[in-house]
Each structure stands twice: as C-alpha cells, then as structure tokens.
Amino acid sequence: QVRLVESGGGLVQAGGALRLSCAASGNIFSINTMGWYRRAPGKQRDMVATMASGGTTNYANSVKGRFTISRDIAENTVYLEMNSLKPEDTAVYYCNYKSMLTGALRDYWGQGTQVTVSS
C-alpha cells in the first residue's frame, strides 16, 4: 500500500501562485511515476503534470509554461508550483503514484486538495 497526503491548496486571485505538496509513504518502489491530476466541476479527472523517478516530465498543454513539477526522491515528495493561475485552473487536485509489480500496475491516489482561482 502507498499513502499519499496532499497539502497547499486554497483560494487565490487570478494571476497568483500556489504550491502543492504530496508526501508518499508505505511500500514505495524506486522506479515510479508521481504526478498531479485535477477534476474541475462537472468534468473528468485530467492529468496536469507527472514526473518519473528518472526525471522525465509530462505536462498538460494548458499548464505548460505556468506550472512546474518537481520531486524530492529521498523524501518521496512531489511538488507542483503553479504560477499565473487562471479561473479555469479551479479544480480538486489529486496526487498520484504509479509503479509496476510483476506486470501489474500499482496506482494510488491522494484525497485531493481544492484549488480555487477567483477572477
């Protein structure tokens, strides 16, 4: 099992910034991918940014140039620095951990943290 605990959400004005953190604990494999997804009201959950343990990153087009994902591998923590926030970034943000075990996907989610951007 892997437990993910998020922090850092809140209310911010458009153009502002927030930093999300997610600490993972439990049975962490050295090869994994951690990242952030979000679900806006009435929409499906979408990928925001991911970062593999080897350093490869992936961003949604809508956040490129504004959001930066980073990781502290030793602390099993992933961060999401969000700048130039827009009202359309309003969503519940979820931390995610993925790794493989004998061909099976291990996929864990945090409880989510609300980010609200006011116009």
N, C-alpha and C. Protein backbone atom coordinates (compact mmCIF):
# COMPACT_ATOMS: atom_id res chain seq x y z
N GLN A 1 0.83 -1.20 0.00
CA GLN A 1 0.00 0.00 0.00
C GLN A 1 0.87 1.25 0.00
N VAL A 2 0.36 2.28 -0.62
CA VAL A 2 1.02 3.58 -0.63
C VAL A 2 0.00 4.62 -0.18
N ARG A 3 0.42 5.46 0.73
CA ARG A 3 -0.44 6.53 1.23
C ARG A 3 0.09 7.86 0.72
N LEU A 4 -0.81 8.68 0.21
CA LEU A 4 -0.45 9.99 -0.34
C LEU A 4 -1.19 11.07 0.44
N VAL A 5 -0.46 12.05 0.92
CA VAL A 5 -1.06 13.14 1.68
C VAL A 5 -0.71 14.46 1.01
N GLU A 6 -1.74 15.16 0.54
CA GLU A 6 -1.55 16.42 -0.17
C GLU A 6 -1.72 17.60 0.78
N SER A 7 -1.11 18.71 0.40
CA SER A 7 -1.30 19.96 1.12
C SER A 7 -1.01 21.11 0.17
N GLY A 8 -1.49 22.30 0.55
CA GLY A 8 -1.14 23.50 -0.20
C GLY A 8 -2.23 24.12 -1.03
N GLY A 9 -3.39 23.51 -1.09
CA GLY A 9 -4.47 24.12 -1.86
C GLY A 9 -5.01 25.36 -1.17
N GLY A 10 -5.93 26.03 -1.85
CA GLY A 10 -6.53 27.21 -1.25
C GLY A 10 -7.17 28.10 -2.28
N LEU A 11 -7.46 29.32 -1.82
CA LEU A 11 -8.10 30.33 -2.67
C LEU A 11 -7.07 31.38 -3.05
N VAL A 12 -7.03 31.70 -4.33
CA VAL A 12 -6.06 32.69 -4.82
C VAL A 12 -6.71 33.48 -5.94
N GLN A 13 -6.27 34.70 -6.10
CA GLN A 13 -6.77 35.53 -7.20
C GLN A 13 -6.09 35.16 -8.50
N ALA A 14 -6.76 35.41 -9.59
CA ALA A 14 -6.17 35.17 -10.91
C ALA A 14 -4.83 35.90 -11.02
N GLY A 15 -3.87 35.21 -11.59
CA GLY A 15 -2.52 35.76 -11.69
C GLY A 15 -1.63 35.39 -10.54
N GLY A 16 -2.23 34.83 -9.50
CA GLY A 16 -1.46 34.46 -8.32
C GLY A 16 -0.78 33.11 -8.46
N ALA A 17 -0.23 32.64 -7.34
CA ALA A 17 0.55 31.41 -7.35
C ALA A 17 0.20 30.56 -6.12
N LEU A 18 0.35 29.27 -6.28
CA LEU A 18 0.20 28.32 -5.19
C LEU A 18 1.20 27.19 -5.38
N ARG A 19 1.55 26.55 -4.28
CA ARG A 19 2.43 25.39 -4.35
C ARG A 19 1.76 24.23 -3.64
N LEU A 20 1.59 23.14 -4.36
CA LEU A 20 1.03 21.92 -3.79
C LEU A 20 2.15 20.96 -3.44
N SER A 21 1.95 20.23 -2.35
CA SER A 21 2.90 19.21 -1.94
C SER A 21 2.17 17.90 -1.73
N CYS A 22 2.88 16.81 -1.97
CA CYS A 22 2.30 15.49 -1.74
C CYS A 22 3.39 14.57 -1.22
N ALA A 23 3.17 14.05 -0.04
CA ALA A 23 4.13 13.14 0.59
C ALA A 23 3.61 11.71 0.49
N ALA A 24 4.46 10.85 -0.01
CA ALA A 24 4.11 9.44 -0.15
C ALA A 24 4.78 8.63 0.95
N SER A 25 4.07 7.65 1.45
CA SER A 25 4.63 6.75 2.45
C SER A 25 4.09 5.34 2.19
N GLY A 26 4.78 4.37 2.79
CA GLY A 26 4.36 2.99 2.61
C GLY A 26 5.35 2.23 1.73
N ASN A 27 4.83 1.36 0.89
CA ASN A 27 5.64 0.47 0.06
C ASN A 27 6.00 1.18 -1.26
N ILE A 28 7.01 2.07 -1.16
CA ILE A 28 7.43 2.87 -2.31
C ILE A 28 8.49 2.12 -3.10
N PHE A 29 8.25 1.94 -4.38
CA PHE A 29 9.24 1.33 -5.25
C PHE A 29 10.16 2.41 -5.79
N SER A 30 11.42 2.06 -6.05
CA SER A 30 12.38 3.07 -6.51
C SER A 30 12.05 3.57 -7.92
N ILE A 31 11.45 2.73 -8.73
CA ILE A 31 11.05 3.13 -10.08
C ILE A 31 9.55 3.41 -10.05
N ASN A 32 9.19 4.67 -10.22
CA ASN A 32 7.78 5.02 -10.14
C ASN A 32 7.54 6.34 -10.86
N THR A 33 6.31 6.67 -10.99
CA THR A 33 5.92 7.98 -11.52
C THR A 33 4.94 8.60 -10.54
N MET A 34 5.22 9.83 -10.17
CA MET A 34 4.28 10.58 -9.33
C MET A 34 3.82 11.81 -10.08
N GLY A 35 2.63 12.24 -9.78
CA GLY A 35 2.13 13.39 -10.51
C GLY A 35 0.87 13.96 -9.93
N TRP A 36 0.32 14.90 -10.68
CA TRP A 36 -0.87 15.62 -10.27
C TRP A 36 -1.93 15.54 -11.36
N TYR A 37 -3.14 15.32 -10.93
CA TYR A 37 -4.31 15.32 -11.80
C TYR A 37 -5.31 16.29 -11.18
N ARG A 38 -6.27 16.70 -11.97
CA ARG A 38 -7.30 17.58 -11.42
C ARG A 38 -8.66 17.27 -12.03
N ARG A 39 -9.68 17.57 -11.22
CA ARG A 39 -11.06 17.41 -11.68
C ARG A 39 -11.78 18.71 -11.41
N ALA A 40 -12.16 19.37 -12.49
CA ALA A 40 -12.95 20.59 -12.39
C ALA A 40 -14.43 20.20 -12.24
N PRO A 41 -15.25 21.08 -11.71
CA PRO A 41 -16.68 20.76 -11.52
C PRO A 41 -17.33 20.32 -12.82
N GLY A 42 -17.97 19.16 -12.80
CA GLY A 42 -18.67 18.66 -13.96
C GLY A 42 -17.80 18.06 -15.05
N LYS A 43 -16.52 17.91 -14.76
CA LYS A 43 -15.61 17.38 -15.78
C LYS A 43 -14.91 16.13 -15.29
N GLN A 44 -14.24 15.44 -16.18
CA GLN A 44 -13.49 14.26 -15.80
C GLN A 44 -12.15 14.66 -15.20
N ARG A 45 -11.52 13.71 -14.56
CA ARG A 45 -10.20 13.97 -13.98
C ARG A 45 -9.15 13.91 -15.09
N ASP A 46 -8.33 14.93 -15.17
CA ASP A 46 -7.33 15.04 -16.23
C ASP A 46 -5.93 15.15 -15.64
N MET A 47 -4.96 14.67 -16.40
CA MET A 47 -3.57 14.81 -16.00
C MET A 47 -3.13 16.27 -16.07
N VAL A 48 -2.42 16.71 -15.06
CA VAL A 48 -1.83 18.05 -15.05
C VAL A 48 -0.33 17.96 -15.33
N ALA A 49 0.37 17.17 -14.53
CA ALA A 49 1.80 17.02 -14.69
C ALA A 49 2.24 15.74 -13.99
N THR A 50 3.21 15.06 -14.60
CA THR A 50 3.78 13.88 -13.98
C THR A 50 5.30 13.93 -14.08
N MET A 51 5.94 13.21 -13.19
CA MET A 51 7.40 13.15 -13.19
C MET A 51 7.82 11.75 -12.77
N ALA A 52 8.58 11.10 -13.65
CA ALA A 52 9.08 9.78 -13.33
C ALA A 52 10.28 9.88 -12.40
N SER A 53 10.59 8.78 -11.74
CA SER A 53 11.72 8.77 -10.81
C SER A 53 13.03 9.04 -11.54
N GLY A 54 13.06 8.78 -12.85
CA GLY A 54 14.26 9.07 -13.64
C GLY A 54 14.35 10.51 -14.08
N GLY A 55 13.29 11.28 -13.85
CA GLY A 55 13.32 12.71 -14.15
C GLY A 55 12.46 13.16 -15.32
N THR A 56 11.94 12.23 -16.10
CA THR A 56 11.12 12.62 -17.24
C THR A 56 9.82 13.26 -16.77
N THR A 57 9.50 14.41 -17.36
CA THR A 57 8.27 15.11 -17.00
C THR A 57 7.30 15.15 -18.18
N ASN A 58 6.05 15.33 -17.81
CA ASN A 58 4.98 15.43 -18.81
C ASN A 58 3.97 16.44 -18.29
N TYR A 59 3.57 17.37 -19.14
CA TYR A 59 2.63 18.42 -18.73
C TYR A 59 1.44 18.46 -19.68
N ALA A 60 0.30 18.80 -19.13
CA ALA A 60 -0.84 19.12 -19.97
C ALA A 60 -0.55 20.42 -20.71
N ASN A 61 -1.02 20.51 -21.94
CA ASN A 61 -0.76 21.72 -22.74
C ASN A 61 -1.26 22.98 -22.04
N SER A 62 -2.36 22.85 -21.32
CA SER A 62 -2.97 24.01 -20.70
C SER A 62 -2.15 24.61 -19.56
N VAL A 63 -1.17 23.88 -19.05
CA VAL A 63 -0.38 24.38 -17.93
C VAL A 63 1.08 24.59 -18.28
N LYS A 64 1.49 24.22 -19.47
CA LYS A 64 2.89 24.38 -19.87
C LYS A 64 3.30 25.84 -19.78
N GLY A 65 4.47 26.05 -19.18
CA GLY A 65 4.97 27.41 -19.02
C GLY A 65 4.47 28.10 -17.77
N ARG A 66 3.46 27.53 -17.11
CA ARG A 66 2.92 28.14 -15.89
C ARG A 66 3.14 27.26 -14.67
N PHE A 67 3.05 25.96 -14.84
CA PHE A 67 3.21 25.02 -13.73
C PHE A 67 4.53 24.28 -13.86
N THR A 68 5.12 23.96 -12.72
CA THR A 68 6.36 23.20 -12.69
C THR A 68 6.24 22.08 -11.66
N ILE A 69 6.51 20.87 -12.09
CA ILE A 69 6.51 19.73 -11.18
C ILE A 69 7.94 19.43 -10.77
N SER A 70 8.11 19.06 -9.52
CA SER A 70 9.43 18.67 -9.03
C SER A 70 9.27 17.59 -7.98
N ARG A 71 10.37 16.92 -7.69
CA ARG A 71 10.31 15.82 -6.72
C ARG A 71 11.53 15.85 -5.82
N ASP A 72 11.32 15.42 -4.60
CA ASP A 72 12.40 15.10 -3.67
C ASP A 72 12.35 13.59 -3.53
N ILE A 73 13.23 12.91 -4.28
CA ILE A 73 13.17 11.45 -4.32
C ILE A 73 13.43 10.87 -2.94
N ALA A 74 14.39 11.44 -2.23
CA ALA A 74 14.76 10.90 -0.91
C ALA A 74 13.60 11.01 0.07
N GLU A 75 12.78 12.05 -0.08
CA GLU A 75 11.65 12.27 0.84
C GLU A 75 10.34 11.75 0.27
N ASN A 76 10.39 11.14 -0.92
CA ASN A 76 9.16 10.63 -1.56
C ASN A 76 8.07 11.70 -1.63
N THR A 77 8.48 12.87 -2.01
CA THR A 77 7.56 14.00 -2.08
C THR A 77 7.55 14.59 -3.48
N VAL A 78 6.38 14.98 -3.94
CA VAL A 78 6.24 15.64 -5.23
C VAL A 78 5.58 16.99 -5.01
N TYR A 79 6.01 17.98 -5.77
CA TYR A 79 5.50 19.33 -5.65
C TYR A 79 4.93 19.79 -6.99
N LEU A 80 4.01 20.73 -6.89
CA LEU A 80 3.50 21.38 -8.10
C LEU A 80 3.49 22.87 -7.83
N GLU A 81 4.39 23.58 -8.50
CA GLU A 81 4.43 25.03 -8.41
C GLU A 81 3.52 25.58 -9.49
N MET A 82 2.50 26.34 -9.08
CA MET A 82 1.52 26.86 -10.02
C MET A 82 1.60 28.38 -10.03
N ASN A 83 1.92 28.92 -11.18
CA ASN A 83 2.02 30.37 -11.35
C ASN A 83 1.02 30.85 -12.39
N SER A 84 0.81 32.14 -12.41
CA SER A 84 -0.12 32.75 -13.37
C SER A 84 -1.43 31.99 -13.41
N LEU A 85 -1.97 31.74 -12.25
CA LEU A 85 -3.19 30.94 -12.16
C LEU A 85 -4.37 31.65 -12.81
N LYS A 86 -5.23 30.82 -13.42
CA LYS A 86 -6.41 31.31 -14.11
C LYS A 86 -7.65 30.71 -13.47
N PRO A 87 -8.79 31.37 -13.61
CA PRO A 87 -10.03 30.78 -13.05
C PRO A 87 -10.28 29.35 -13.55
N GLU A 88 -9.88 29.07 -14.77
CA GLU A 88 -10.10 27.71 -15.31
C GLU A 88 -9.18 26.66 -14.68
N ASP A 89 -8.25 27.08 -13.84
CA ASP A 89 -7.44 26.13 -13.08
C ASP A 89 -8.16 25.66 -11.82
N THR A 90 -9.30 26.25 -11.54
CA THR A 90 -10.07 25.84 -10.37
C THR A 90 -10.49 24.38 -10.49
N ALA A 91 -10.14 23.59 -9.47
CA ALA A 91 -10.41 22.16 -9.50
C ALA A 91 -9.95 21.54 -8.19
N VAL A 92 -10.32 20.29 -8.01
CA VAL A 92 -9.71 19.48 -6.96
C VAL A 92 -8.49 18.82 -7.58
N TYR A 93 -7.35 19.01 -6.93
CA TYR A 93 -6.10 18.46 -7.43
C TYR A 93 -5.75 17.20 -6.64
N TYR A 94 -5.43 16.15 -7.38
CA TYR A 94 -5.13 14.86 -6.77
C TYR A 94 -3.70 14.45 -7.06
N CYS A 95 -3.04 13.98 -6.04
CA CYS A 95 -1.70 13.41 -6.18
C CYS A 95 -1.85 11.94 -6.59
N ASN A 96 -0.93 11.49 -7.41
CA ASN A 96 -0.98 10.12 -7.90
C ASN A 96 0.39 9.48 -7.86
N TYR A 97 0.39 8.20 -7.55
CA TYR A 97 1.61 7.39 -7.55
C TYR A 97 1.36 6.16 -8.42
N LYS A 98 2.30 5.87 -9.32
CA LYS A 98 2.19 4.67 -10.15
C LYS A 98 3.52 3.93 -10.16
N SER A 99 3.45 2.61 -10.06
CA SER A 99 4.62 1.77 -10.27
C SER A 99 4.12 0.42 -10.75
N MET A 100 5.06 -0.41 -11.18
CA MET A 100 4.71 -1.71 -11.72
C MET A 100 5.22 -2.81 -10.79
N LEU A 101 4.45 -3.87 -10.68
CA LEU A 101 4.86 -5.03 -9.90
C LEU A 101 4.47 -6.27 -10.69
N THR A 102 5.48 -6.99 -11.18
CA THR A 102 5.27 -8.19 -12.00
C THR A 102 4.19 -7.97 -13.05
N GLY A 103 4.33 -6.84 -13.76
CA GLY A 103 3.42 -6.56 -14.85
C GLY A 103 2.09 -5.93 -14.47
N ALA A 104 1.83 -5.83 -13.19
CA ALA A 104 0.58 -5.23 -12.74
C ALA A 104 0.82 -3.80 -12.28
N LEU A 105 -0.12 -2.92 -12.62
CA LEU A 105 0.00 -1.52 -12.25
C LEU A 105 -0.42 -1.31 -10.79
N ARG A 106 0.43 -0.61 -10.06
CA ARG A 106 0.07 -0.17 -8.71
C ARG A 106 -0.26 1.31 -8.84
N ASP A 107 -1.47 1.68 -8.52
CA ASP A 107 -1.99 3.01 -8.82
C ASP A 107 -2.70 3.52 -7.57
N TYR A 108 -2.15 4.60 -7.00
CA TYR A 108 -2.69 5.13 -5.75
C TYR A 108 -3.00 6.61 -5.90
N TRP A 109 -4.01 7.06 -5.13
CA TRP A 109 -4.45 8.45 -5.21
C TRP A 109 -4.52 9.07 -3.82
N GLY A 110 -4.25 10.37 -3.77
CA GLY A 110 -4.47 11.12 -2.55
C GLY A 110 -5.93 11.50 -2.43
N GLN A 111 -6.24 12.17 -1.34
CA GLN A 111 -7.63 12.52 -1.07
C GLN A 111 -8.09 13.76 -1.83
N GLY A 112 -7.16 14.49 -2.37
CA GLY A 112 -7.48 15.69 -3.15
C GLY A 112 -7.38 16.96 -2.32
N THR A 113 -7.00 18.03 -2.98
CA THR A 113 -6.95 19.35 -2.34
C THR A 113 -7.56 20.37 -3.28
N GLN A 114 -8.41 21.21 -2.72
CA GLN A 114 -9.15 22.17 -3.55
C GLN A 114 -8.29 23.38 -3.88
N VAL A 115 -8.28 23.74 -5.15
CA VAL A 115 -7.66 24.97 -5.61
C VAL A 115 -8.75 25.81 -6.27
N THR A 116 -8.93 27.01 -5.76
CA THR A 116 -9.95 27.91 -6.31
C THR A 116 -9.27 29.21 -6.73
N VAL A 117 -9.46 29.57 -7.99
CA VAL A 117 -8.87 30.80 -8.52
C VAL A 117 -10.01 31.76 -8.85
N SER A 118 -10.01 32.89 -8.19
CA SER A 118 -11.07 33.87 -8.40
C SER A 118 -10.66 34.87 -9.47
N SER A 119 -11.64 35.35 -10.19
CA SER A 119 -11.35 36.30 -11.28
C SER A 119 -11.37 37.72 -10.79
